[in-house]
N, C-alpha and C. Protein backbone atom coordinates (compact mmCIF):
# COMPACT_ATOMS: atom_id res chain seq x y z
N MET A 1 1.26 19.13 15.99
CA MET A 1 -0.13 18.89 15.64
C MET A 1 -0.42 17.39 15.82
N ILE A 2 -1.50 17.06 16.47
CA ILE A 2 -1.85 15.67 16.73
C ILE A 2 -2.48 15.02 15.51
N ILE A 3 -3.38 15.73 14.83
CA ILE A 3 -4.05 15.17 13.66
C ILE A 3 -3.25 15.52 12.42
N SER A 4 -2.96 14.52 11.64
CA SER A 4 -2.19 14.69 10.41
C SER A 4 -3.12 14.44 9.22
N ASN A 5 -2.59 14.58 8.01
CA ASN A 5 -3.38 14.20 6.84
C ASN A 5 -3.27 12.68 6.64
N ALA A 6 -3.95 12.16 5.64
CA ALA A 6 -3.99 10.70 5.43
C ALA A 6 -2.59 10.13 5.20
N LEU A 7 -1.77 10.81 4.41
CA LEU A 7 -0.43 10.30 4.14
C LEU A 7 0.44 10.35 5.39
N GLY A 8 0.29 11.39 6.19
CA GLY A 8 1.03 11.48 7.44
C GLY A 8 0.66 10.37 8.41
N LEU A 9 -0.64 10.10 8.52
CA LEU A 9 -1.09 9.01 9.39
C LEU A 9 -0.62 7.66 8.86
N SER A 10 -0.65 7.50 7.55
CA SER A 10 -0.17 6.27 6.94
C SER A 10 1.29 6.03 7.33
N LYS A 11 2.11 7.07 7.27
CA LYS A 11 3.52 6.95 7.64
C LYS A 11 3.68 6.61 9.12
N GLU A 12 2.83 7.15 9.96
CA GLU A 12 2.90 6.82 11.39
C GLU A 12 2.67 5.33 11.61
N TYR A 13 1.68 4.77 10.93
CA TYR A 13 1.41 3.33 11.04
C TYR A 13 2.55 2.52 10.42
N MET A 14 3.09 3.00 9.30
CA MET A 14 4.24 2.32 8.69
C MET A 14 5.39 2.26 9.68
N ASP A 15 5.69 3.40 10.29
CA ASP A 15 6.82 3.47 11.23
C ASP A 15 6.66 2.49 12.38
N LYS A 16 5.46 2.41 12.92
CA LYS A 16 5.24 1.47 14.04
C LYS A 16 5.48 0.04 13.60
N LYS A 17 5.02 -0.32 12.42
CA LYS A 17 5.16 -1.69 11.96
C LYS A 17 6.58 -2.00 11.50
N MET A 18 7.28 -1.01 10.97
CA MET A 18 8.61 -1.23 10.41
C MET A 18 9.67 -1.55 11.46
N LYS A 19 9.38 -1.30 12.73
CA LYS A 19 10.36 -1.56 13.79
C LYS A 19 10.79 -3.03 13.83
N ASN A 20 9.89 -3.94 13.47
CA ASN A 20 10.20 -5.37 13.49
C ASN A 20 9.96 -6.05 12.15
N ALA A 21 9.69 -5.30 11.13
CA ALA A 21 9.31 -5.89 9.84
C ALA A 21 10.51 -6.47 9.11
N LEU A 22 10.29 -7.64 8.51
CA LEU A 22 11.33 -8.27 7.70
C LEU A 22 10.91 -8.42 6.24
N VAL A 23 9.60 -8.53 5.98
CA VAL A 23 9.12 -8.65 4.61
C VAL A 23 8.00 -7.62 4.42
N VAL A 24 8.22 -6.73 3.45
CA VAL A 24 7.32 -5.60 3.23
C VAL A 24 6.96 -5.53 1.74
N VAL A 25 5.74 -5.06 1.46
CA VAL A 25 5.28 -4.92 0.08
C VAL A 25 4.75 -3.50 -0.14
N ASP A 26 5.27 -2.85 -1.18
CA ASP A 26 4.67 -1.62 -1.68
C ASP A 26 3.85 -2.05 -2.88
N ALA A 27 2.53 -2.09 -2.70
CA ALA A 27 1.64 -2.63 -3.73
C ALA A 27 1.46 -1.69 -4.91
N THR A 28 1.73 -0.41 -4.70
CA THR A 28 1.52 0.60 -5.74
C THR A 28 2.72 1.54 -5.74
N MET A 29 3.75 1.16 -6.41
CA MET A 29 5.05 1.83 -6.37
C MET A 29 5.00 3.30 -6.74
N GLY A 30 4.28 3.64 -7.78
CA GLY A 30 4.21 5.05 -8.20
C GLY A 30 5.58 5.60 -8.53
N ASN A 31 5.89 6.77 -8.00
CA ASN A 31 7.19 7.39 -8.25
C ASN A 31 8.24 6.98 -7.23
N GLY A 32 7.91 6.03 -6.37
CA GLY A 32 8.91 5.44 -5.49
C GLY A 32 9.09 6.08 -4.13
N PHE A 33 8.27 7.04 -3.80
CA PHE A 33 8.45 7.70 -2.50
C PHE A 33 8.19 6.74 -1.34
N ASP A 34 7.08 6.01 -1.41
CA ASP A 34 6.80 5.03 -0.35
C ASP A 34 7.82 3.90 -0.38
N THR A 35 8.21 3.47 -1.57
CA THR A 35 9.20 2.40 -1.70
C THR A 35 10.50 2.81 -1.00
N CYS A 36 10.98 4.00 -1.28
CA CYS A 36 12.21 4.49 -0.64
C CYS A 36 12.03 4.64 0.87
N TYR A 37 10.90 5.16 1.25
CA TYR A 37 10.64 5.33 2.68
C TYR A 37 10.66 3.98 3.40
N LEU A 38 9.94 3.02 2.84
CA LEU A 38 9.89 1.68 3.43
C LEU A 38 11.28 1.04 3.46
N ARG A 39 12.03 1.15 2.36
CA ARG A 39 13.36 0.54 2.31
C ARG A 39 14.29 1.18 3.33
N SER A 40 14.17 2.49 3.52
CA SER A 40 15.04 3.18 4.48
C SER A 40 14.75 2.77 5.92
N LYS A 41 13.55 2.32 6.20
CA LYS A 41 13.16 1.91 7.55
C LYS A 41 13.31 0.41 7.78
N LEU A 42 13.56 -0.34 6.73
CA LEU A 42 13.59 -1.79 6.80
C LEU A 42 14.88 -2.29 7.47
N GLU A 43 14.74 -3.34 8.25
CA GLU A 43 15.89 -4.01 8.86
C GLU A 43 16.90 -4.38 7.76
N PRO A 44 18.21 -4.36 8.05
CA PRO A 44 19.20 -4.71 7.03
C PRO A 44 18.97 -6.08 6.40
N LYS A 45 18.46 -7.04 7.17
CA LYS A 45 18.21 -8.37 6.61
C LYS A 45 16.80 -8.49 6.02
N GLY A 46 16.04 -7.41 6.04
CA GLY A 46 14.68 -7.43 5.52
C GLY A 46 14.64 -7.37 4.00
N PHE A 47 13.43 -7.55 3.44
CA PHE A 47 13.26 -7.55 2.00
C PHE A 47 11.98 -6.80 1.62
N LEU A 48 12.07 -6.06 0.53
CA LEU A 48 10.95 -5.24 0.05
C LEU A 48 10.59 -5.64 -1.37
N TYR A 49 9.30 -5.96 -1.57
CA TYR A 49 8.74 -6.19 -2.90
C TYR A 49 7.94 -4.94 -3.26
N ALA A 50 8.12 -4.43 -4.48
CA ALA A 50 7.36 -3.26 -4.93
C ALA A 50 6.77 -3.53 -6.30
N PHE A 51 5.48 -3.23 -6.45
CA PHE A 51 4.73 -3.55 -7.67
C PHE A 51 4.24 -2.28 -8.37
N ASP A 52 4.27 -2.30 -9.70
CA ASP A 52 3.58 -1.29 -10.49
C ASP A 52 3.47 -1.81 -11.92
N ILE A 53 2.39 -1.43 -12.60
CA ILE A 53 2.17 -1.88 -13.97
C ILE A 53 2.86 -0.97 -14.99
N GLN A 54 3.31 0.20 -14.55
CA GLN A 54 3.91 1.16 -15.47
C GLN A 54 5.44 1.12 -15.40
N LYS A 55 6.06 1.00 -16.57
CA LYS A 55 7.54 1.00 -16.62
C LYS A 55 8.12 2.29 -16.08
N THR A 56 7.42 3.41 -16.29
CA THR A 56 7.88 4.69 -15.77
C THR A 56 8.03 4.64 -14.27
N ALA A 57 7.10 3.99 -13.60
CA ALA A 57 7.16 3.86 -12.14
C ALA A 57 8.40 3.07 -11.72
N ILE A 58 8.68 1.99 -12.44
CA ILE A 58 9.86 1.17 -12.14
C ILE A 58 11.13 2.01 -12.31
N GLU A 59 11.23 2.72 -13.42
CA GLU A 59 12.41 3.54 -13.71
C GLU A 59 12.59 4.64 -12.67
N ASN A 60 11.51 5.35 -12.35
CA ASN A 60 11.60 6.44 -11.36
C ASN A 60 12.00 5.91 -9.99
N THR A 61 11.44 4.77 -9.62
CA THR A 61 11.72 4.20 -8.31
C THR A 61 13.15 3.70 -8.23
N LYS A 62 13.60 3.01 -9.26
CA LYS A 62 14.98 2.50 -9.27
C LYS A 62 15.97 3.66 -9.15
N LYS A 63 15.72 4.71 -9.90
CA LYS A 63 16.59 5.89 -9.85
C LYS A 63 16.62 6.48 -8.44
N ARG A 64 15.45 6.60 -7.83
CA ARG A 64 15.35 7.17 -6.48
C ARG A 64 16.07 6.30 -5.45
N LEU A 65 15.92 4.98 -5.57
CA LEU A 65 16.60 4.06 -4.64
C LEU A 65 18.12 4.15 -4.80
N ILE A 66 18.60 4.21 -6.03
CA ILE A 66 20.04 4.32 -6.28
C ILE A 66 20.58 5.63 -5.74
N GLU A 67 19.87 6.73 -6.02
CA GLU A 67 20.30 8.05 -5.53
C GLU A 67 20.41 8.08 -4.01
N ASN A 68 19.52 7.35 -3.34
CA ASN A 68 19.52 7.32 -1.88
C ASN A 68 20.38 6.20 -1.30
N LYS A 69 21.08 5.49 -2.19
CA LYS A 69 21.99 4.40 -1.80
C LYS A 69 21.30 3.31 -0.97
N ILE A 70 20.06 2.97 -1.38
CA ILE A 70 19.30 1.93 -0.68
C ILE A 70 18.71 0.91 -1.66
N TYR A 71 19.39 0.74 -2.78
CA TYR A 71 18.91 -0.21 -3.78
C TYR A 71 19.51 -1.59 -3.52
N SER A 72 19.09 -2.20 -2.42
CA SER A 72 19.48 -3.57 -2.09
C SER A 72 18.31 -4.20 -1.36
N ASN A 73 18.22 -5.52 -1.44
CA ASN A 73 17.12 -6.26 -0.81
C ASN A 73 15.76 -5.73 -1.26
N VAL A 74 15.69 -5.37 -2.53
CA VAL A 74 14.46 -4.83 -3.13
C VAL A 74 14.23 -5.55 -4.46
N LEU A 75 12.98 -5.92 -4.70
CA LEU A 75 12.60 -6.45 -6.00
C LEU A 75 11.51 -5.54 -6.58
N LEU A 76 11.84 -4.85 -7.66
CA LEU A 76 10.88 -3.99 -8.35
C LEU A 76 10.19 -4.84 -9.41
N ILE A 77 8.87 -4.95 -9.29
CA ILE A 77 8.12 -5.88 -10.13
C ILE A 77 7.18 -5.11 -11.05
N ASN A 78 7.40 -5.25 -12.35
CA ASN A 78 6.57 -4.60 -13.35
C ASN A 78 5.38 -5.50 -13.67
N ASP A 79 4.43 -5.53 -12.72
CA ASP A 79 3.25 -6.38 -12.83
C ASP A 79 2.19 -5.82 -11.87
N SER A 80 0.99 -6.32 -12.03
CA SER A 80 -0.12 -5.91 -11.17
C SER A 80 0.04 -6.44 -9.75
N HIS A 81 -0.41 -5.66 -8.80
CA HIS A 81 -0.39 -6.10 -7.40
C HIS A 81 -1.34 -7.28 -7.16
N VAL A 82 -2.16 -7.61 -8.12
CA VAL A 82 -3.00 -8.81 -8.02
C VAL A 82 -2.11 -10.06 -7.97
N GLU A 83 -0.92 -9.95 -8.50
CA GLU A 83 -0.03 -11.10 -8.68
C GLU A 83 0.91 -11.35 -7.50
N PHE A 84 0.57 -10.89 -6.30
CA PHE A 84 1.42 -11.12 -5.13
C PHE A 84 1.93 -12.55 -5.04
N LYS A 85 1.00 -13.48 -5.13
CA LYS A 85 1.34 -14.89 -4.89
C LYS A 85 2.26 -15.47 -5.96
N LYS A 86 2.32 -14.83 -7.10
CA LYS A 86 3.23 -15.26 -8.17
C LYS A 86 4.69 -14.95 -7.79
N TYR A 87 4.91 -13.91 -6.99
CA TYR A 87 6.26 -13.45 -6.67
C TYR A 87 6.66 -13.65 -5.20
N ILE A 88 5.66 -13.75 -4.33
CA ILE A 88 5.95 -13.80 -2.90
C ILE A 88 5.50 -15.15 -2.34
N ASP A 89 6.44 -15.90 -1.79
CA ASP A 89 6.08 -17.20 -1.22
C ASP A 89 6.45 -17.27 0.27
N GLU A 90 6.28 -16.15 0.94
CA GLU A 90 6.54 -16.06 2.37
C GLU A 90 5.50 -15.14 3.00
N GLU A 91 5.38 -15.21 4.31
CA GLU A 91 4.44 -14.31 4.99
C GLU A 91 5.02 -12.90 5.03
N VAL A 92 4.12 -11.94 5.03
CA VAL A 92 4.47 -10.53 4.91
C VAL A 92 4.07 -9.78 6.18
N ASP A 93 4.91 -8.84 6.59
CA ASP A 93 4.65 -8.03 7.78
C ASP A 93 3.80 -6.80 7.48
N LEU A 94 4.00 -6.21 6.30
CA LEU A 94 3.34 -4.95 5.97
C LEU A 94 3.11 -4.86 4.47
N ILE A 95 1.90 -4.43 4.10
CA ILE A 95 1.57 -4.14 2.70
C ILE A 95 1.00 -2.73 2.67
N VAL A 96 1.51 -1.90 1.75
CA VAL A 96 1.07 -0.52 1.65
C VAL A 96 0.49 -0.27 0.26
N TYR A 97 -0.72 0.29 0.23
CA TYR A 97 -1.38 0.71 -1.01
C TYR A 97 -1.57 2.22 -0.96
N ASN A 98 -1.15 2.91 -2.01
CA ASN A 98 -1.46 4.32 -2.18
C ASN A 98 -2.13 4.37 -3.55
N LEU A 99 -3.44 4.25 -3.55
CA LEU A 99 -4.21 4.01 -4.78
C LEU A 99 -4.37 5.26 -5.63
N GLY A 100 -4.90 5.06 -6.83
CA GLY A 100 -5.17 6.18 -7.73
C GLY A 100 -4.32 6.09 -8.97
N TYR A 101 -3.74 7.24 -9.35
CA TYR A 101 -2.93 7.30 -10.57
C TYR A 101 -1.53 7.80 -10.22
N LEU A 102 -0.61 7.59 -11.15
CA LEU A 102 0.77 8.00 -10.98
C LEU A 102 0.85 9.52 -10.99
N PRO A 103 1.30 10.13 -9.88
CA PRO A 103 1.44 11.59 -9.87
C PRO A 103 2.34 12.06 -11.02
N LYS A 104 1.89 13.07 -11.72
CA LYS A 104 2.56 13.63 -12.90
C LYS A 104 2.56 12.65 -14.07
N GLY A 105 1.74 11.61 -13.98
CA GLY A 105 1.63 10.63 -15.06
C GLY A 105 0.29 10.76 -15.76
N ASP A 106 -0.06 9.77 -16.52
CA ASP A 106 -1.32 9.71 -17.25
C ASP A 106 -2.46 9.42 -16.26
N LYS A 107 -3.32 10.38 -16.04
CA LYS A 107 -4.42 10.23 -15.08
C LYS A 107 -5.49 9.26 -15.56
N ASN A 108 -5.39 8.81 -16.80
CA ASN A 108 -6.32 7.81 -17.30
C ASN A 108 -5.91 6.40 -16.88
N ILE A 109 -4.68 6.25 -16.43
CA ILE A 109 -4.19 4.96 -15.94
C ILE A 109 -4.28 4.99 -14.42
N THR A 110 -5.26 4.27 -13.89
CA THR A 110 -5.49 4.27 -12.44
C THR A 110 -5.55 2.84 -11.92
N THR A 111 -5.44 2.73 -10.61
CA THR A 111 -5.75 1.44 -10.02
C THR A 111 -7.25 1.22 -10.24
N LEU A 112 -7.65 -0.05 -10.34
CA LEU A 112 -9.03 -0.38 -10.65
C LEU A 112 -9.66 -1.16 -9.51
N SER A 113 -10.92 -0.87 -9.24
CA SER A 113 -11.59 -1.44 -8.08
C SER A 113 -11.56 -2.96 -8.03
N GLU A 114 -11.82 -3.63 -9.16
CA GLU A 114 -11.87 -5.09 -9.15
C GLU A 114 -10.51 -5.70 -8.85
N SER A 115 -9.46 -5.21 -9.51
CA SER A 115 -8.13 -5.77 -9.28
C SER A 115 -7.60 -5.37 -7.90
N THR A 116 -7.92 -4.17 -7.45
CA THR A 116 -7.48 -3.76 -6.12
C THR A 116 -8.13 -4.63 -5.05
N LEU A 117 -9.42 -4.90 -5.20
CA LEU A 117 -10.10 -5.76 -4.23
C LEU A 117 -9.48 -7.16 -4.21
N LYS A 118 -9.23 -7.71 -5.39
CA LYS A 118 -8.60 -9.03 -5.45
C LYS A 118 -7.21 -8.99 -4.81
N SER A 119 -6.48 -7.94 -5.05
CA SER A 119 -5.14 -7.79 -4.47
C SER A 119 -5.20 -7.72 -2.95
N ILE A 120 -6.15 -6.97 -2.43
CA ILE A 120 -6.29 -6.87 -0.97
C ILE A 120 -6.60 -8.23 -0.38
N LYS A 121 -7.48 -8.97 -1.02
CA LYS A 121 -7.80 -10.33 -0.54
C LYS A 121 -6.55 -11.20 -0.58
N ASN A 122 -5.78 -11.14 -1.67
CA ASN A 122 -4.54 -11.90 -1.76
C ASN A 122 -3.55 -11.45 -0.69
N GLY A 123 -3.49 -10.16 -0.44
CA GLY A 123 -2.61 -9.63 0.59
C GLY A 123 -2.99 -10.12 1.97
N MET A 124 -4.27 -10.19 2.24
CA MET A 124 -4.73 -10.70 3.53
C MET A 124 -4.33 -12.16 3.72
N ASP A 125 -4.29 -12.91 2.62
CA ASP A 125 -3.88 -14.32 2.68
C ASP A 125 -2.41 -14.50 3.05
N ILE A 126 -1.54 -13.58 2.61
CA ILE A 126 -0.11 -13.74 2.86
C ILE A 126 0.38 -12.94 4.06
N LEU A 127 -0.52 -12.22 4.70
CA LEU A 127 -0.16 -11.40 5.85
C LEU A 127 0.10 -12.29 7.06
N ASN A 128 1.17 -12.01 7.78
CA ASN A 128 1.47 -12.82 8.96
C ASN A 128 0.69 -12.33 10.19
N HIS A 129 0.84 -13.05 11.29
CA HIS A 129 0.20 -12.69 12.56
C HIS A 129 0.61 -11.26 12.95
N GLU A 130 -0.35 -10.42 13.21
CA GLU A 130 -0.17 -9.00 13.55
C GLU A 130 0.40 -8.17 12.41
N GLY A 131 0.35 -8.72 11.19
CA GLY A 131 0.76 -7.95 10.02
C GLY A 131 -0.27 -6.89 9.69
N LEU A 132 0.16 -5.84 8.99
CA LEU A 132 -0.71 -4.72 8.65
C LEU A 132 -0.84 -4.54 7.15
N ILE A 133 -2.02 -4.11 6.73
CA ILE A 133 -2.23 -3.58 5.39
C ILE A 133 -2.71 -2.14 5.58
N ILE A 134 -2.03 -1.22 4.93
CA ILE A 134 -2.39 0.20 4.98
C ILE A 134 -2.85 0.60 3.59
N ILE A 135 -4.07 1.12 3.50
CA ILE A 135 -4.66 1.48 2.20
C ILE A 135 -5.06 2.95 2.23
N THR A 136 -4.51 3.73 1.31
CA THR A 136 -4.95 5.12 1.13
C THR A 136 -5.73 5.17 -0.18
N ILE A 137 -7.00 5.56 -0.06
CA ILE A 137 -7.91 5.62 -1.22
C ILE A 137 -8.28 7.08 -1.48
N TYR A 138 -8.32 7.45 -2.75
CA TYR A 138 -8.65 8.81 -3.16
C TYR A 138 -10.00 8.81 -3.88
N PRO A 139 -11.10 9.04 -3.16
CA PRO A 139 -12.43 8.97 -3.78
C PRO A 139 -12.80 10.21 -4.60
N GLY A 140 -11.87 11.13 -4.81
CA GLY A 140 -12.16 12.36 -5.53
C GLY A 140 -12.14 12.24 -7.04
N HIS A 141 -11.87 11.05 -7.57
CA HIS A 141 -11.97 10.83 -9.02
C HIS A 141 -12.85 9.60 -9.25
N ILE A 142 -13.31 9.40 -10.46
CA ILE A 142 -14.34 8.39 -10.75
C ILE A 142 -13.92 6.99 -10.29
N GLU A 143 -12.75 6.52 -10.72
CA GLU A 143 -12.33 5.16 -10.33
C GLU A 143 -12.04 5.10 -8.84
N GLY A 144 -11.53 6.18 -8.27
CA GLY A 144 -11.28 6.23 -6.83
C GLY A 144 -12.56 6.09 -6.02
N GLU A 145 -13.63 6.68 -6.51
CA GLU A 145 -14.93 6.55 -5.85
C GLU A 145 -15.41 5.09 -5.90
N LYS A 146 -15.22 4.46 -7.06
CA LYS A 146 -15.59 3.04 -7.19
C LYS A 146 -14.77 2.19 -6.23
N GLU A 147 -13.46 2.42 -6.20
CA GLU A 147 -12.59 1.66 -5.30
C GLU A 147 -13.03 1.83 -3.85
N PHE A 148 -13.30 3.07 -3.48
CA PHE A 148 -13.72 3.35 -2.11
C PHE A 148 -14.98 2.57 -1.76
N ASN A 149 -15.98 2.62 -2.63
CA ASN A 149 -17.25 1.94 -2.36
C ASN A 149 -17.08 0.42 -2.29
N ILE A 150 -16.39 -0.16 -3.24
CA ILE A 150 -16.23 -1.61 -3.28
C ILE A 150 -15.38 -2.11 -2.11
N ILE A 151 -14.28 -1.44 -1.84
CA ILE A 151 -13.40 -1.86 -0.75
C ILE A 151 -14.09 -1.66 0.60
N SER A 152 -14.79 -0.54 0.77
CA SER A 152 -15.52 -0.29 2.02
C SER A 152 -16.53 -1.40 2.29
N GLU A 153 -17.30 -1.76 1.27
CA GLU A 153 -18.31 -2.80 1.45
C GLU A 153 -17.67 -4.14 1.78
N PHE A 154 -16.58 -4.48 1.10
CA PHE A 154 -15.90 -5.73 1.39
C PHE A 154 -15.37 -5.75 2.82
N LEU A 155 -14.69 -4.69 3.23
CA LEU A 155 -14.06 -4.67 4.55
C LEU A 155 -15.08 -4.78 5.69
N LYS A 156 -16.31 -4.35 5.45
CA LYS A 156 -17.37 -4.51 6.46
C LYS A 156 -17.70 -5.98 6.71
N THR A 157 -17.41 -6.83 5.74
CA THR A 157 -17.78 -8.25 5.83
C THR A 157 -16.66 -9.14 6.36
N VAL A 158 -15.48 -8.59 6.57
CA VAL A 158 -14.32 -9.39 6.99
C VAL A 158 -14.52 -9.89 8.42
N ASP A 159 -14.18 -11.13 8.67
CA ASP A 159 -14.34 -11.78 9.97
C ASP A 159 -13.55 -11.03 11.05
N GLN A 160 -14.25 -10.47 12.02
CA GLN A 160 -13.59 -9.71 13.08
C GLN A 160 -12.76 -10.58 14.01
N LYS A 161 -12.95 -11.88 13.94
CA LYS A 161 -12.12 -12.77 14.76
C LYS A 161 -10.74 -12.94 14.14
N LYS A 162 -10.63 -12.65 12.84
CA LYS A 162 -9.35 -12.82 12.14
C LYS A 162 -8.63 -11.50 11.89
N PHE A 163 -9.40 -10.41 11.73
CA PHE A 163 -8.81 -9.12 11.37
C PHE A 163 -9.49 -7.98 12.14
N GLU A 164 -8.67 -7.00 12.52
CA GLU A 164 -9.18 -5.71 13.03
C GLU A 164 -9.04 -4.72 11.89
N ILE A 165 -10.06 -3.90 11.67
CA ILE A 165 -10.02 -2.93 10.58
C ILE A 165 -10.51 -1.58 11.09
N ILE A 166 -9.72 -0.54 10.79
CA ILE A 166 -10.19 0.82 11.11
C ILE A 166 -10.23 1.63 9.82
N LYS A 167 -11.10 2.62 9.84
CA LYS A 167 -11.26 3.54 8.71
C LYS A 167 -11.10 4.94 9.26
N ILE A 168 -10.25 5.73 8.63
CA ILE A 168 -10.02 7.11 9.06
C ILE A 168 -10.40 8.03 7.91
N GLU A 169 -11.35 8.94 8.22
CA GLU A 169 -11.80 9.92 7.24
C GLU A 169 -11.63 11.32 7.80
N PHE A 170 -11.39 12.27 6.95
CA PHE A 170 -11.30 13.67 7.34
C PHE A 170 -12.58 14.37 6.88
N TYR A 171 -13.43 14.70 7.83
CA TYR A 171 -14.78 15.17 7.50
C TYR A 171 -14.87 16.61 7.00
N ASN A 172 -14.00 17.48 7.44
CA ASN A 172 -14.19 18.89 7.11
C ASN A 172 -13.25 19.37 6.01
N GLN A 173 -12.75 18.47 5.18
CA GLN A 173 -11.91 18.87 4.06
C GLN A 173 -12.72 18.83 2.77
N ILE A 174 -12.39 19.74 1.88
CA ILE A 174 -13.11 19.81 0.60
C ILE A 174 -12.53 18.81 -0.40
N ASN A 175 -13.24 18.62 -1.50
CA ASN A 175 -12.79 17.82 -2.64
C ASN A 175 -12.54 16.35 -2.32
N ARG A 176 -13.41 15.75 -1.52
CA ARG A 176 -13.31 14.31 -1.24
C ARG A 176 -11.89 13.89 -0.85
N PRO A 177 -11.45 14.21 0.34
CA PRO A 177 -10.09 13.88 0.77
C PRO A 177 -9.85 12.38 0.84
N PRO A 178 -8.58 11.98 0.86
CA PRO A 178 -8.26 10.55 0.94
C PRO A 178 -8.84 9.91 2.20
N VAL A 179 -9.09 8.61 2.10
CA VAL A 179 -9.58 7.81 3.22
C VAL A 179 -8.52 6.74 3.49
N LEU A 180 -8.29 6.49 4.75
CA LEU A 180 -7.27 5.53 5.16
C LEU A 180 -7.94 4.32 5.82
N PHE A 181 -7.56 3.13 5.37
CA PHE A 181 -7.98 1.89 6.02
C PHE A 181 -6.73 1.20 6.56
N ILE A 182 -6.82 0.69 7.77
CA ILE A 182 -5.74 -0.09 8.38
C ILE A 182 -6.33 -1.46 8.72
N ILE A 183 -5.71 -2.50 8.20
CA ILE A 183 -6.15 -3.88 8.45
C ILE A 183 -5.04 -4.57 9.22
N GLU A 184 -5.37 -5.17 10.35
CA GLU A 184 -4.40 -5.93 11.12
C GLU A 184 -4.87 -7.35 11.29
N ARG A 185 -4.00 -8.30 10.97
CA ARG A 185 -4.32 -9.71 11.13
C ARG A 185 -4.16 -10.10 12.60
N LYS A 186 -5.17 -10.73 13.14
CA LYS A 186 -5.12 -11.17 14.55
C LYS A 186 -4.35 -12.46 14.71
N TYR A 187 -4.54 -13.40 13.82
CA TYR A 187 -3.82 -14.69 13.89
C TYR A 187 -3.66 -15.27 12.52
């Protein structure tokens, strides 16, 4: 099948970027699936930063990394993704956001539009030449709808001389399917 769902397309973009990536960020660790996927694709000398505000996410991710024997060159950070610059002092090849709430967790704890927007701006600042930011947004819940609207409006204003941005939506799916944004730094 040529057309995949949002998560499948996100992985395709991750795979393309991971071939040469040395510094990668999982901005929304969750249960660690993306963290493990990114770490498994990362160059042996590469490094992965992963952020989440929930201790449960840190614990689940650490367990998953250990079980898969890939718990090296990884820093699991129990803090908001707004704080990239507090922990990362190098240019980054790839930043991945899978927004919303922790699957099987408290659905009242979600990523928030204001902090996510600030984090994306911070991420764009530390992104290297031809670096990517991949954002999966779930507009099917209240905060997800806010995030989608605020991030969409911001991304329309980004200087096209500095960044290329695409938006991928699935039009014929019910229940407000996820939307994917890909941001690539030109220089």
